[in-house]
Amino acid sequence: MDCVCECMQLLLALAVVAVIVVSIMAHITAGMVNLARHEKEKYFLTPTGKKELFPSLHDPYSRDLSVVIPAYNEELRMPVMLDEAMEYLEDRQRQQPSFTYEVIVVDDGSKDKTTEVAFRYTKWYGSDKVRVLTLVKNRGKGGAVRMGTLSSRGKVILMADADGATKFSDIEKVEVGLQSLNPKPNNMAISCGSRAHLEKESVAQRSVFRTFLMYGFHFLVWFFCVKGIKDTQCGFKLFTREAALKTFSSLHVERWAFDVEVLYIAQCFKIPIAEVAVNWTEIEGSKLVPFWSWLQMGRDLIFIRLRYITGAWKLQSPEKTD
């Protein structure tokens, strides 16, 4: 009996030491919010090739909707998504002449012709409707979304993936979700597209190992960061301008787990969040998350919570930066 008690005490002591060590590591390795941008990233090109300065999320809105599309090596798949999005947006504007929009394609340091392909749409529709933000080096999806969001003019801002896995017209569903959130403190609210209703079907198509990773990721999200949201990773999210400014000004994680930190920040600020089922299709050529990225995401989820708890990261006041 004494031996069992000693073993339990030893395990408890080891667990405490492990928590302390991980907390110290999380604190030491914490990076700061990086809102700085290269001089070239401050400008977009008009159809004639003239450089114009991107606006700031701090400015008053001047469009009803901004669509931010992060793209990395998407020259082949992106045209299908952009064709669908532009057809929907143009048709909506014809039906509602007062409706205004912009699309911002953020080329996240691609090695292919993503920028050139996106710029064709600027030439076809004009730079008032389609703008291309080319990042000098790859930041990661979260970094690309943040840079595009901080350059947007919309009253509401939609984050949408370049592969077109979510049907673009489902924006109407997330808009309804956003409108259903009342009250909206300081006009802050977020509506997340969700694939949770498709989970049983996706599990049937996955290997046992990838299913294990998926459920492990869901558990870590729930345990450490975000409560009440079944699908944090769907790349189809709608923010009010005020909510986007509040959350993206504090965002640290720039890669796969950035969605979780955005929603964690939102819940810390008590920003209401809706989750809405959307149509989603696996697109050929979609980038599977590598095993090492799953491990990185798991580490990031634990570190997100620990870094805020230990004060290594702080919730920022949205200050204007160059």
C-alpha atoms as a PDB file:
ATOM      1  CA  MET A   1       0.000   0.000   0.000  1.00  0.00           C
ATOM      2  CA  ASP A   2       2.823   2.349   0.949  1.00  0.00           C
ATOM      3  CA  CYS A   3       4.546   1.522  -2.339  1.00  0.00           C
ATOM      4  CA  VAL A   4       1.395   2.450  -4.305  1.00  0.00           C
ATOM      5  CA  CYS A   5       1.104   5.750  -2.431  1.00  0.00           C
ATOM      6  CA  GLU A   6       4.747   6.551  -3.113  1.00  0.00           C
ATOM      7  CA  CYS A   7       4.279   5.792  -6.820  1.00  0.00           C
ATOM      8  CA  MET A   8       1.229   8.026  -6.957  1.00  0.00           C
ATOM      9  CA  GLN A   9       3.105  10.836  -5.249  1.00  0.00           C
ATOM     10  CA  LEU A  10       6.018  10.404  -7.646  1.00  0.00           C
ATOM     11  CA  LEU A  11       3.726  10.509 -10.687  1.00  0.00           C
ATOM     12  CA  LEU A  12       2.003  13.601  -9.323  1.00  0.00           C
ATOM     13  CA  ALA A  13       5.361  15.286  -8.718  1.00  0.00           C
ATOM     14  CA  LEU A  14       6.496  14.402 -12.260  1.00  0.00           C
ATOM     15  CA  ALA A  15       3.243  15.776 -13.680  1.00  0.00           C
ATOM     16  CA  VAL A  16       3.710  19.054 -11.794  1.00  0.00           C
ATOM     17  CA  VAL A  17       7.312  19.309 -13.001  1.00  0.00           C
ATOM     18  CA  ALA A  18       6.196  18.586 -16.578  1.00  0.00           C
ATOM     19  CA  VAL A  19       3.554  21.334 -16.422  1.00  0.00           C
ATOM     20  CA  ILE A  20       6.113  23.802 -15.053  1.00  0.00           C
ATOM     21  CA  VAL A  21       8.677  22.887 -17.732  1.00  0.00           C
ATOM     22  CA  VAL A  22       6.122  23.142 -20.563  1.00  0.00           C
ATOM     23  CA  SER A  23       4.872  26.466 -19.198  1.00  0.00           C
ATOM     24  CA  ILE A  24       8.422  27.831 -19.088  1.00  0.00           C
ATOM     25  CA  MET A  25       9.075  26.599 -22.640  1.00  0.00           C
ATOM     26  CA  ALA A  26       5.819  28.179 -23.836  1.00  0.00           C
ATOM     27  CA  HIS A  27       6.776  31.471 -22.236  1.00  0.00           C
ATOM     28  CA  ILE A  28      10.374  31.521 -23.488  1.00  0.00           C
ATOM     29  CA  THR A  29       9.501  30.587 -27.081  1.00  0.00           C
ATOM     30  CA  ALA A  30       6.556  32.991 -27.366  1.00  0.00           C
ATOM     31  CA  GLY A  31       6.750  35.423 -30.280  1.00  0.00           C
ATOM     32  CA  MET A  32       5.106  38.835 -30.370  1.00  0.00           C
ATOM     33  CA  VAL A  33       2.279  39.986 -32.647  1.00  0.00           C
ATOM     34  CA  ASN A  34       3.844  40.834 -35.995  1.00  0.00           C
ATOM     35  CA  LEU A  35       1.722  43.429 -37.780  1.00  0.00           C
ATOM     36  CA  ALA A  36       4.620  44.983 -39.673  1.00  0.00           C
ATOM     37  CA  ARG A  37       4.609  44.648 -43.425  1.00  0.00           C
ATOM     38  CA  HIS A  38       7.262  44.993 -46.094  1.00  0.00           C
ATOM     39  CA  GLU A  39       7.125  48.184 -48.145  1.00  0.00           C
ATOM     40  CA  LYS A  40       5.960  46.192 -51.185  1.00  0.00           C
ATOM     41  CA  GLU A  41       3.056  44.746 -49.180  1.00  0.00           C
ATOM     42  CA  LYS A  42       1.557  48.179 -48.588  1.00  0.00           C
ATOM     43  CA  TYR A  43       0.429  48.561 -52.201  1.00  0.00           C
ATOM     44  CA  PHE A  44      -1.832  46.927 -54.780  1.00  0.00           C
ATOM     45  CA  LEU A  45      -1.770  47.384 -58.544  1.00  0.00           C
ATOM     46  CA  THR A  46      -4.531  48.915 -60.644  1.00  0.00           C
ATOM     47  CA  PRO A  47      -5.333  47.351 -64.052  1.00  0.00           C
ATOM     48  CA  THR A  48      -2.880  49.801 -65.650  1.00  0.00           C
ATOM     49  CA  GLY A  49      -0.084  48.772 -63.276  1.00  0.00           C
ATOM     50  CA  LYS A  50      -0.221  51.879 -61.089  1.00  0.00           C
ATOM     51  CA  LYS A  51       0.616  51.325 -57.407  1.00  0.00           C
ATOM     52  CA  GLU A  52      -1.969  52.432 -54.844  1.00  0.00           C
ATOM     53  CA  LEU A  53      -1.862  52.220 -51.061  1.00  0.00           C
ATOM     54  CA  PHE A  54      -4.012  49.648 -49.301  1.00  0.00           C
ATOM     55  CA  PRO A  55      -6.461  51.138 -46.790  1.00  0.00           C
ATOM     56  CA  SER A  56      -6.496  50.131 -43.119  1.00  0.00           C
ATOM     57  CA  LEU A  57      -8.969  48.136 -41.077  1.00  0.00           C
ATOM     58  CA  HIS A  58      -8.875  51.086 -38.678  1.00  0.00           C
ATOM     59  CA  ASP A  59     -10.539  53.296 -41.307  1.00  0.00           C
ATOM     60  CA  PRO A  60     -14.343  53.521 -41.485  1.00  0.00           C
ATOM     61  CA  TYR A  61     -15.866  50.892 -43.776  1.00  0.00           C
ATOM     62  CA  SER A  62     -16.645  51.896 -47.360  1.00  0.00           C
ATOM     63  CA  ARG A  63     -17.904  48.556 -48.747  1.00  0.00           C
ATOM     64  CA  ASP A  64     -20.640  46.230 -47.577  1.00  0.00           C
ATOM     65  CA  LEU A  65     -18.493  43.125 -47.899  1.00  0.00           C
ATOM     66  CA  SER A  66     -14.812  42.228 -48.112  1.00  0.00           C
ATOM     67  CA  VAL A  67     -13.798  38.712 -49.161  1.00  0.00           C
ATOM     68  CA  VAL A  68     -10.269  37.752 -48.076  1.00  0.00           C
ATOM     69  CA  ILE A  69      -8.796  34.754 -49.915  1.00  0.00           C
ATOM     70  CA  PRO A  70      -5.436  33.377 -48.692  1.00  0.00           C
ATOM     71  CA  ALA A  71      -3.626  31.582 -51.504  1.00  0.00           C
ATOM     72  CA  TYR A  72      -0.386  29.627 -51.611  1.00  0.00           C
ATOM     73  CA  ASN A  73       0.549  28.006 -54.934  1.00  0.00           C
ATOM     74  CA  GLU A  74      -3.085  28.082 -56.081  1.00  0.00           C
ATOM     75  CA  GLU A  75      -2.697  29.071 -59.751  1.00  0.00           C
ATOM     76  CA  LEU A  76      -4.600  25.966 -60.902  1.00  0.00           C
ATOM     77  CA  ARG A  77      -7.496  25.738 -58.434  1.00  0.00           C
ATOM     78  CA  MET A  78      -8.108  29.384 -57.618  1.00  0.00           C
ATOM     79  CA  PRO A  79      -9.755  30.374 -60.960  1.00  0.00           C
ATOM     80  CA  VAL A  80     -12.639  27.969 -60.319  1.00  0.00           C
ATOM     81  CA  MET A  81     -13.247  29.519 -56.897  1.00  0.00           C
ATOM     82  CA  LEU A  82     -12.876  33.094 -58.147  1.00  0.00           C
ATOM     83  CA  ASP A  83     -15.194  32.490 -61.108  1.00  0.00           C
ATOM     84  CA  GLU A  84     -17.874  31.173 -58.748  1.00  0.00           C
ATOM     85  CA  ALA A  85     -17.368  33.992 -56.239  1.00  0.00           C
ATOM     86  CA  MET A  86     -17.358  36.785 -58.832  1.00  0.00           C
ATOM     87  CA  GLU A  87     -20.425  35.393 -60.597  1.00  0.00           C
ATOM     88  CA  TYR A  88     -22.312  35.342 -57.283  1.00  0.00           C
ATOM     89  CA  LEU A  89     -21.141  38.810 -56.204  1.00  0.00           C
ATOM     90  CA  GLU A  90     -21.842  40.428 -59.574  1.00  0.00           C
ATOM     91  CA  ASP A  91     -25.301  38.845 -59.719  1.00  0.00           C
ATOM     92  CA  ARG A  92     -26.036  40.046 -56.193  1.00  0.00           C
ATOM     93  CA  GLN A  93     -24.973  43.559 -57.135  1.00  0.00           C
ATOM     94  CA  ARG A  94     -27.267  43.498 -60.177  1.00  0.00           C
ATOM     95  CA  GLN A  95     -30.181  42.476 -57.968  1.00  0.00           C
ATOM     96  CA  GLN A  96     -29.197  44.927 -55.207  1.00  0.00           C
ATOM     97  CA  PRO A  97     -27.564  47.960 -56.893  1.00  0.00           C
ATOM     98  CA  SER A  98     -26.638  49.472 -53.522  1.00  0.00           C
ATOM     99  CA  PHE A  99     -24.590  46.377 -52.584  1.00  0.00           C
ATOM    100  CA  THR A 100     -20.816  46.953 -52.736  1.00  0.00           C
ATOM    101  CA  TYR A 101     -17.998  44.471 -52.324  1.00  0.00           C
ATOM    102  CA  GLU A 102     -14.300  43.819 -52.757  1.00  0.00           C
ATOM    103  CA  VAL A 103     -12.225  40.663 -53.101  1.00  0.00           C
ATOM    104  CA  ILE A 104      -8.675  40.629 -51.731  1.00  0.00           C
ATOM    105  CA  VAL A 105      -6.494  37.735 -52.876  1.00  0.00           C
ATOM    106  CA  VAL A 106      -3.475  37.359 -50.603  1.00  0.00           C
ATOM    107  CA  ASP A 107      -0.632  35.539 -52.322  1.00  0.00           C
ATOM    108  CA  ASP A 108       1.254  34.042 -49.393  1.00  0.00           C
ATOM    109  CA  GLY A 109       4.705  34.009 -50.986  1.00  0.00           C
ATOM    110  CA  SER A 110       3.737  31.522 -53.715  1.00  0.00           C
ATOM    111  CA  LYS A 111       6.328  29.952 -55.994  1.00  0.00           C
ATOM    112  CA  ASP A 112       3.933  29.654 -58.927  1.00  0.00           C
ATOM    113  CA  LYS A 113       1.840  32.208 -60.830  1.00  0.00           C
ATOM    114  CA  THR A 114      -0.827  32.784 -58.168  1.00  0.00           C
ATOM    115  CA  THR A 115      -0.343  36.565 -58.271  1.00  0.00           C
ATOM    116  CA  GLU A 116      -0.492  36.719 -62.072  1.00  0.00           C
ATOM    117  CA  VAL A 117      -3.660  34.594 -62.169  1.00  0.00           C
ATOM    118  CA  ALA A 118      -5.356  36.720 -59.492  1.00  0.00           C
ATOM    119  CA  PHE A 119      -4.320  39.933 -61.232  1.00  0.00           C
ATOM    120  CA  ARG A 120      -6.266  38.876 -64.337  1.00  0.00           C
ATOM    121  CA  TYR A 121      -9.417  39.393 -62.268  1.00  0.00           C
ATOM    122  CA  THR A 122      -8.216  42.880 -61.342  1.00  0.00           C
ATOM    123  CA  LYS A 123      -7.928  43.617 -65.065  1.00  0.00           C
ATOM    124  CA  TRP A 124     -11.370  42.172 -65.780  1.00  0.00           C
ATOM    125  CA  TYR A 125     -13.309  43.679 -62.862  1.00  0.00           C
ATOM    126  CA  GLY A 126     -11.148  46.649 -61.819  1.00  0.00           C
ATOM    127  CA  SER A 127      -9.073  47.199 -58.682  1.00  0.00           C
ATOM    128  CA  ASP A 128     -12.052  48.630 -56.823  1.00  0.00           C
ATOM    129  CA  LYS A 129     -13.512  45.115 -56.818  1.00  0.00           C
ATOM    130  CA  VAL A 130     -10.471  42.821 -56.948  1.00  0.00           C
ATOM    131  CA  ARG A 131      -7.130  43.549 -55.320  1.00  0.00           C
ATOM    132  CA  VAL A 132      -4.043  41.371 -55.019  1.00  0.00           C
ATOM    133  CA  LEU A 133      -1.807  41.544 -51.962  1.00  0.00           C
ATOM    134  CA  THR A 134       1.457  39.723 -52.637  1.00  0.00           C
ATOM    135  CA  LEU A 135       3.444  38.863 -49.531  1.00  0.00           C
ATOM    136  CA  VAL A 136       7.213  39.039 -49.904  1.00  0.00           C
ATOM    137  CA  LYS A 137       7.673  35.773 -48.007  1.00  0.00           C
ATOM    138  CA  ASN A 138       5.402  32.985 -46.835  1.00  0.00           C
ATOM    139  CA  ARG A 139       3.769  33.755 -43.486  1.00  0.00           C
ATOM    140  CA  GLY A 140       1.302  30.889 -43.272  1.00  0.00           C
ATOM    141  CA  LYS A 141      -2.451  30.899 -43.802  1.00  0.00           C
ATOM    142  CA  GLY A 142      -3.153  32.809 -40.596  1.00  0.00           C
ATOM    143  CA  GLY A 143      -0.621  35.477 -41.469  1.00  0.00           C
ATOM    144  CA  ALA A 144      -2.069  35.815 -44.966  1.00  0.00           C
ATOM    145  CA  VAL A 145      -5.652  36.122 -43.699  1.00  0.00           C
ATOM    146  CA  ARG A 146      -4.590  38.711 -41.144  1.00  0.00           C
ATOM    147  CA  MET A 147      -2.735  40.836 -43.709  1.00  0.00           C
ATOM    148  CA  GLY A 148      -5.714  40.752 -46.064  1.00  0.00           C
ATOM    149  CA  THR A 149      -8.162  41.537 -43.268  1.00  0.00           C
ATOM    150  CA  LEU A 150      -6.093  44.497 -42.072  1.00  0.00           C
ATOM    151  CA  SER A 151      -6.212  45.838 -45.662  1.00  0.00           C
ATOM    152  CA  SER A 152      -9.973  45.514 -46.132  1.00  0.00           C
ATOM    153  CA  ARG A 153     -12.779  48.045 -46.454  1.00  0.00           C
ATOM    154  CA  GLY A 154     -15.836  45.920 -45.676  1.00  0.00           C
ATOM    155  CA  LYS A 155     -18.527  46.383 -43.066  1.00  0.00           C
ATOM    156  CA  VAL A 156     -18.324  42.614 -42.770  1.00  0.00           C
ATOM    157  CA  ILE A 157     -15.333  40.495 -43.775  1.00  0.00           C
ATOM    158  CA  LEU A 158     -15.501  36.942 -45.102  1.00  0.00           C
ATOM    159  CA  MET A 159     -12.536  34.585 -44.928  1.00  0.00           C
ATOM    160  CA  ALA A 160     -12.768  32.041 -47.771  1.00  0.00           C
ATOM    161  CA  ASP A 161     -10.357  29.347 -48.971  1.00  0.00           C
ATOM    162  CA  ALA A 162      -8.914  29.514 -52.475  1.00  0.00           C
ATOM    163  CA  ASP A 163      -9.781  25.895 -53.297  1.00  0.00           C
ATOM    164  CA  GLY A 164     -13.529  26.591 -53.335  1.00  0.00           C
ATOM    165  CA  ALA A 165     -14.338  23.635 -51.072  1.00  0.00           C
ATOM    166  CA  THR A 166     -17.237  25.625 -49.586  1.00  0.00           C
ATOM    167  CA  LYS A 167     -19.985  26.700 -51.968  1.00  0.00           C
ATOM    168  CA  PHE A 168     -19.624  30.490 -52.142  1.00  0.00           C
ATOM    169  CA  SER A 169     -23.361  31.182 -52.090  1.00  0.00           C
ATOM    170  CA  ASP A 170     -23.349  29.724 -48.564  1.00  0.00           C
ATOM    171  CA  ILE A 171     -22.253  33.199 -47.539  1.00  0.00           C
ATOM    172  CA  GLU A 172     -25.979  33.788 -47.171  1.00  0.00           C
ATOM    173  CA  LYS A 173     -26.088  31.131 -44.454  1.00  0.00           C
ATOM    174  CA  VAL A 174     -23.253  32.651 -42.436  1.00  0.00           C
ATOM    175  CA  GLU A 175     -24.811  36.102 -42.925  1.00  0.00           C
ATOM    176  CA  VAL A 176     -28.034  34.809 -41.368  1.00  0.00           C
ATOM    177  CA  GLY A 177     -25.936  33.345 -38.545  1.00  0.00           C
ATOM    178  CA  LEU A 178     -24.293  36.719 -37.984  1.00  0.00           C
ATOM    179  CA  GLN A 179     -27.654  38.520 -37.965  1.00  0.00           C
ATOM    180  CA  SER A 180     -29.059  36.026 -35.455  1.00  0.00           C
ATOM    181  CA  LEU A 181     -26.498  37.041 -32.841  1.00  0.00           C
ATOM    182  CA  ASN A 182     -28.188  39.623 -30.658  1.00  0.00           C
ATOM    183  CA  PRO A 183     -27.123  41.627 -28.871  1.00  0.00           C
ATOM    184  CA  LYS A 184     -23.794  42.368 -30.573  1.00  0.00           C
ATOM    185  CA  PRO A 185     -21.680  44.247 -28.006  1.00  0.00           C
ATOM    186  CA  ASN A 186     -19.937  47.134 -29.797  1.00  0.00           C
ATOM    187  CA  ASN A 187     -21.179  45.527 -33.054  1.00  0.00           C
ATOM    188  CA  MET A 188     -18.806  42.592 -32.594  1.00  0.00           C
ATOM    189  CA  ALA A 189     -19.862  39.150 -33.832  1.00  0.00           C
ATOM    190  CA  ILE A 190     -18.483  36.169 -35.783  1.00  0.00           C
ATOM    191  CA  SER A 191     -20.297  33.534 -37.840  1.00  0.00           C
ATOM    192  CA  CYS A 192     -18.387  30.317 -38.606  1.00  0.00           C
ATOM    193  CA  GLY A 193     -19.144  27.933 -41.414  1.00  0.00           C
ATOM    194  CA  SER A 194     -19.123  24.381 -40.100  1.00  0.00           C
ATOM    195  CA  ARG A 195     -18.578  20.889 -41.509  1.00  0.00           C
ATOM    196  CA  ALA A 196     -19.496  19.162 -38.248  1.00  0.00           C
ATOM    197  CA  HIS A 197     -22.681  17.759 -39.804  1.00  0.00           C
ATOM    198  CA  LEU A 198     -20.480  15.907 -42.325  1.00  0.00           C
ATOM    199  CA  GLU A 199     -18.213  14.328 -39.724  1.00  0.00           C
ATOM    200  CA  LYS A 200     -19.711  10.816 -39.819  1.00  0.00           C
ATOM    201  CA  GLU A 201     -19.266  10.643 -43.570  1.00  0.00           C
ATOM    202  CA  SER A 202     -15.700  11.965 -43.398  1.00  0.00           C
ATOM    203  CA  VAL A 203     -14.761   9.471 -40.667  1.00  0.00           C
ATOM    204  CA  ALA A 204     -15.895   6.625 -42.921  1.00  0.00           C
ATOM    205  CA  GLN A 205     -13.477   7.816 -45.607  1.00  0.00           C
ATOM    206  CA  ARG A 206     -10.477   8.420 -43.338  1.00  0.00           C
ATOM    207  CA  SER A 207      -7.879   5.980 -42.075  1.00  0.00           C
ATOM    208  CA  VAL A 208      -8.071   4.967 -38.412  1.00  0.00           C
ATOM    209  CA  PHE A 209      -4.880   6.920 -37.730  1.00  0.00           C
ATOM    210  CA  ARG A 210      -6.151  10.172 -39.291  1.00  0.00           C
ATOM    211  CA  THR A 211      -9.469   9.751 -37.451  1.00  0.00           C
ATOM    212  CA  PHE A 212      -7.519   9.392 -34.201  1.00  0.00           C
ATOM    213  CA  LEU A 213      -5.587  12.579 -34.998  1.00  0.00           C
ATOM    214  CA  MET A 214      -8.819  14.426 -35.803  1.00  0.00           C
ATOM    215  CA  TYR A 215     -10.525  13.469 -32.539  1.00  0.00           C
ATOM    216  CA  GLY A 216      -7.341  14.204 -30.605  1.00  0.00           C
ATOM    217  CA  PHE A 217      -7.229  17.663 -32.174  1.00  0.00           C
ATOM    218  CA  HIS A 218     -10.909  18.269 -31.307  1.00  0.00           C
ATOM    219  CA  PHE A 219     -10.236  17.269 -27.701  1.00  0.00           C
ATOM    220  CA  LEU A 220      -7.248  19.612 -27.376  1.00  0.00           C
ATOM    221  CA  VAL A 221      -9.258  22.481 -28.900  1.00  0.00           C
ATOM    222  CA  TRP A 222     -12.087  21.905 -26.416  1.00  0.00           C
ATOM    223  CA  PHE A 223      -9.858  21.283 -23.381  1.00  0.00           C
ATOM    224  CA  PHE A 224      -7.386  24.135 -23.829  1.00  0.00           C
ATOM    225  CA  CYS A 225      -8.932  26.820 -26.010  1.00  0.00           C
ATOM    226  CA  VAL A 226     -12.440  26.997 -27.460  1.00  0.00           C
ATOM    227  CA  LYS A 227     -15.708  25.802 -25.973  1.00  0.00           C
ATOM    228  CA  GLY A 228     -18.960  25.274 -27.842  1.00  0.00           C
ATOM    229  CA  ILE A 229     -17.646  25.318 -31.449  1.00  0.00           C
ATOM    230  CA  LYS A 230     -17.602  21.891 -33.126  1.00  0.00           C
ATOM    231  CA  ASP A 231     -15.600  22.872 -36.224  1.00  0.00           C
ATOM    232  CA  THR A 232     -12.988  25.560 -35.661  1.00  0.00           C
ATOM    233  CA  GLN A 233     -11.035  24.815 -38.860  1.00  0.00           C
ATOM    234  CA  CYS A 234     -13.542  25.452 -41.644  1.00  0.00           C
ATOM    235  CA  GLY A 235     -12.062  28.227 -43.791  1.00  0.00           C
ATOM    236  CA  PHE A 236     -15.355  30.079 -44.204  1.00  0.00           C
ATOM    237  CA  LYS A 237     -15.842  32.650 -41.456  1.00  0.00           C
ATOM    238  CA  LEU A 238     -17.661  35.989 -41.422  1.00  0.00           C
ATOM    239  CA  PHE A 239     -16.625  38.812 -39.076  1.00  0.00           C
ATOM    240  CA  THR A 240     -18.103  42.200 -38.375  1.00  0.00           C
ATOM    241  CA  ARG A 241     -15.436  44.834 -38.988  1.00  0.00           C
ATOM    242  CA  GLU A 242     -15.214  45.545 -35.276  1.00  0.00           C
ATOM    243  CA  ALA A 243     -14.761  41.854 -34.390  1.00  0.00           C
ATOM    244  CA  ALA A 244     -12.076  41.434 -37.064  1.00  0.00           C
ATOM    245  CA  LEU A 245     -10.120  44.399 -35.721  1.00  0.00           C
ATOM    246  CA  LYS A 246     -10.386  43.151 -32.144  1.00  0.00           C
ATOM    247  CA  THR A 247      -9.329  39.576 -32.870  1.00  0.00           C
ATOM    248  CA  PHE A 248      -6.720  39.948 -35.621  1.00  0.00           C
ATOM    249  CA  SER A 249      -4.910  42.707 -33.719  1.00  0.00           C
ATOM    250  CA  SER A 250      -4.057  40.106 -31.058  1.00  0.00           C
ATOM    251  CA  LEU A 251      -3.382  37.110 -33.321  1.00  0.00           C
ATOM    252  CA  HIS A 252       0.032  35.470 -32.868  1.00  0.00           C
ATOM    253  CA  VAL A 253      -0.310  32.049 -34.550  1.00  0.00           C
ATOM    254  CA  GLU A 254       0.182  32.379 -38.301  1.00  0.00           C
ATOM    255  CA  ARG A 255      -0.133  28.781 -39.456  1.00  0.00           C
ATOM    256  CA  TRP A 256      -2.607  25.903 -39.182  1.00  0.00           C
ATOM    257  CA  ALA A 257      -3.919  26.587 -35.668  1.00  0.00           C
ATOM    258  CA  PHE A 258      -4.626  30.296 -36.205  1.00  0.00           C
ATOM    259  CA  ASP A 259      -8.417  29.733 -36.421  1.00  0.00           C
ATOM    260  CA  VAL A 260      -8.372  28.375 -32.880  1.00  0.00           C
ATOM    261  CA  GLU A 261      -6.521  31.388 -31.513  1.00  0.00           C
ATOM    262  CA  VAL A 262      -8.901  33.771 -33.308  1.00  0.00           C
ATOM    263  CA  LEU A 263     -11.888  32.078 -31.679  1.00  0.00           C
ATOM    264  CA  TYR A 264     -10.079  31.849 -28.318  1.00  0.00           C
ATOM    265  CA  ILE A 265      -9.455  35.606 -28.445  1.00  0.00           C
ATOM    266  CA  ALA A 266     -13.088  36.175 -29.410  1.00  0.00           C
ATOM    267  CA  GLN A 267     -14.322  34.168 -26.427  1.00  0.00           C
ATOM    268  CA  CYS A 268     -11.925  36.030 -24.112  1.00  0.00           C
ATOM    269  CA  PHE A 269     -13.511  39.278 -25.316  1.00  0.00           C
ATOM    270  CA  LYS A 270     -16.995  37.689 -25.033  1.00  0.00           C
ATOM    271  CA  ILE A 271     -17.641  38.235 -28.744  1.00  0.00           C
ATOM    272  CA  PRO A 272     -20.722  36.169 -29.697  1.00  0.00           C
ATOM    273  CA  ILE A 273     -20.053  33.359 -32.193  1.00  0.00           C
ATOM    274  CA  ALA A 274     -22.538  31.486 -34.386  1.00  0.00           C
ATOM    275  CA  GLU A 275     -21.795  28.129 -36.028  1.00  0.00           C
ATOM    276  CA  VAL A 276     -23.649  27.416 -39.265  1.00  0.00           C
ATOM    277  CA  ALA A 277     -23.665  24.254 -41.385  1.00  0.00           C
ATOM    278  CA  VAL A 278     -22.324  24.846 -44.915  1.00  0.00           C
ATOM    279  CA  ASN A 279     -21.855  22.732 -48.029  1.00  0.00           C
ATOM    280  CA  TRP A 280     -18.327  21.402 -48.291  1.00  0.00           C
ATOM    281  CA  THR A 281     -16.645  19.226 -50.905  1.00  0.00           C
ATOM    282  CA  GLU A 282     -13.192  17.651 -50.911  1.00  0.00           C
ATOM    283  CA  ILE A 283     -11.354  19.328 -53.778  1.00  0.00           C
ATOM    284  CA  GLU A 284      -8.825  17.392 -55.826  1.00  0.00           C
ATOM    285  CA  GLY A 285      -5.346  18.605 -55.018  1.00  0.00           C
ATOM    286  CA  SER A 286      -6.297  19.790 -51.531  1.00  0.00           C
ATOM    287  CA  LYS A 287      -3.269  19.850 -49.266  1.00  0.00           C
ATOM    288  CA  LEU A 288      -3.498  17.153 -46.602  1.00  0.00           C
ATOM    289  CA  VAL A 289      -2.194  18.280 -43.256  1.00  0.00           C
ATOM    290  CA  PRO A 290       1.130  16.422 -42.771  1.00  0.00           C
ATOM    291  CA  PHE A 291       1.638  14.357 -39.632  1.00  0.00           C
ATOM    292  CA  TRP A 292       4.279  16.771 -38.308  1.00  0.00           C
ATOM    293  CA  SER A 293       1.833  19.642 -38.806  1.00  0.00           C
ATOM    294  CA  TRP A 294      -0.698  17.783 -36.650  1.00  0.00           C
ATOM    295  CA  LEU A 295       1.948  17.614 -33.917  1.00  0.00           C
ATOM    296  CA  GLN A 296       2.722  21.305 -34.409  1.00  0.00           C
ATOM    297  CA  MET A 297      -0.979  22.153 -34.153  1.00  0.00           C
ATOM    298  CA  GLY A 298      -1.301  20.127 -30.972  1.00  0.00           C
ATOM    299  CA  ARG A 299       1.675  21.946 -29.484  1.00  0.00           C
ATOM    300  CA  ASP A 300       0.278  25.305 -30.608  1.00  0.00           C
ATOM    301  CA  LEU A 301      -3.098  24.587 -28.975  1.00  0.00           C
ATOM    302  CA  ILE A 302      -1.450  23.861 -25.620  1.00  0.00           C
ATOM    303  CA  PHE A 303       0.897  26.822 -25.968  1.00  0.00           C
ATOM    304  CA  ILE A 304      -1.911  29.239 -26.919  1.00  0.00           C
ATOM    305  CA  ARG A 305      -3.547  28.745 -23.540  1.00  0.00           C
ATOM    306  CA  LEU A 306      -0.310  28.637 -21.549  1.00  0.00           C
ATOM    307  CA  ARG A 307       1.117  31.758 -23.198  1.00  0.00           C
ATOM    308  CA  TYR A 308      -1.959  33.813 -22.376  1.00  0.00           C
ATOM    309  CA  ILE A 309      -2.146  32.418 -18.831  1.00  0.00           C
ATOM    310  CA  THR A 310       1.528  33.163 -18.132  1.00  0.00           C
ATOM    311  CA  GLY A 311       1.311  36.629 -19.682  1.00  0.00           C
ATOM    312  CA  ALA A 312       3.760  35.867 -22.517  1.00  0.00           C
ATOM    313  CA  TRP A 313       0.948  36.888 -24.870  1.00  0.00           C
ATOM    314  CA  LYS A 314      -1.518  39.636 -24.079  1.00  0.00           C
ATOM    315  CA  LEU A 315      -4.811  40.615 -25.631  1.00  0.00           C
ATOM    316  CA  GLN A 316      -3.915  43.711 -27.621  1.00  0.00           C
ATOM    317  CA  SER A 317      -5.668  47.030 -27.971  1.00  0.00           C
ATOM    318  CA  PRO A 318      -6.146  47.541 -31.730  1.00  0.00           C
ATOM    319  CA  GLU A 319      -3.516  50.152 -32.519  1.00  0.00           C
ATOM    320  CA  LYS A 320      -2.845  51.420 -36.009  1.00  0.00           C
ATOM    321  CA  THR A 321       0.507  50.334 -37.473  1.00  0.00           C
ATOM    322  CA  ASP A 322       2.376  51.039 -40.694  1.00  0.00           C
END
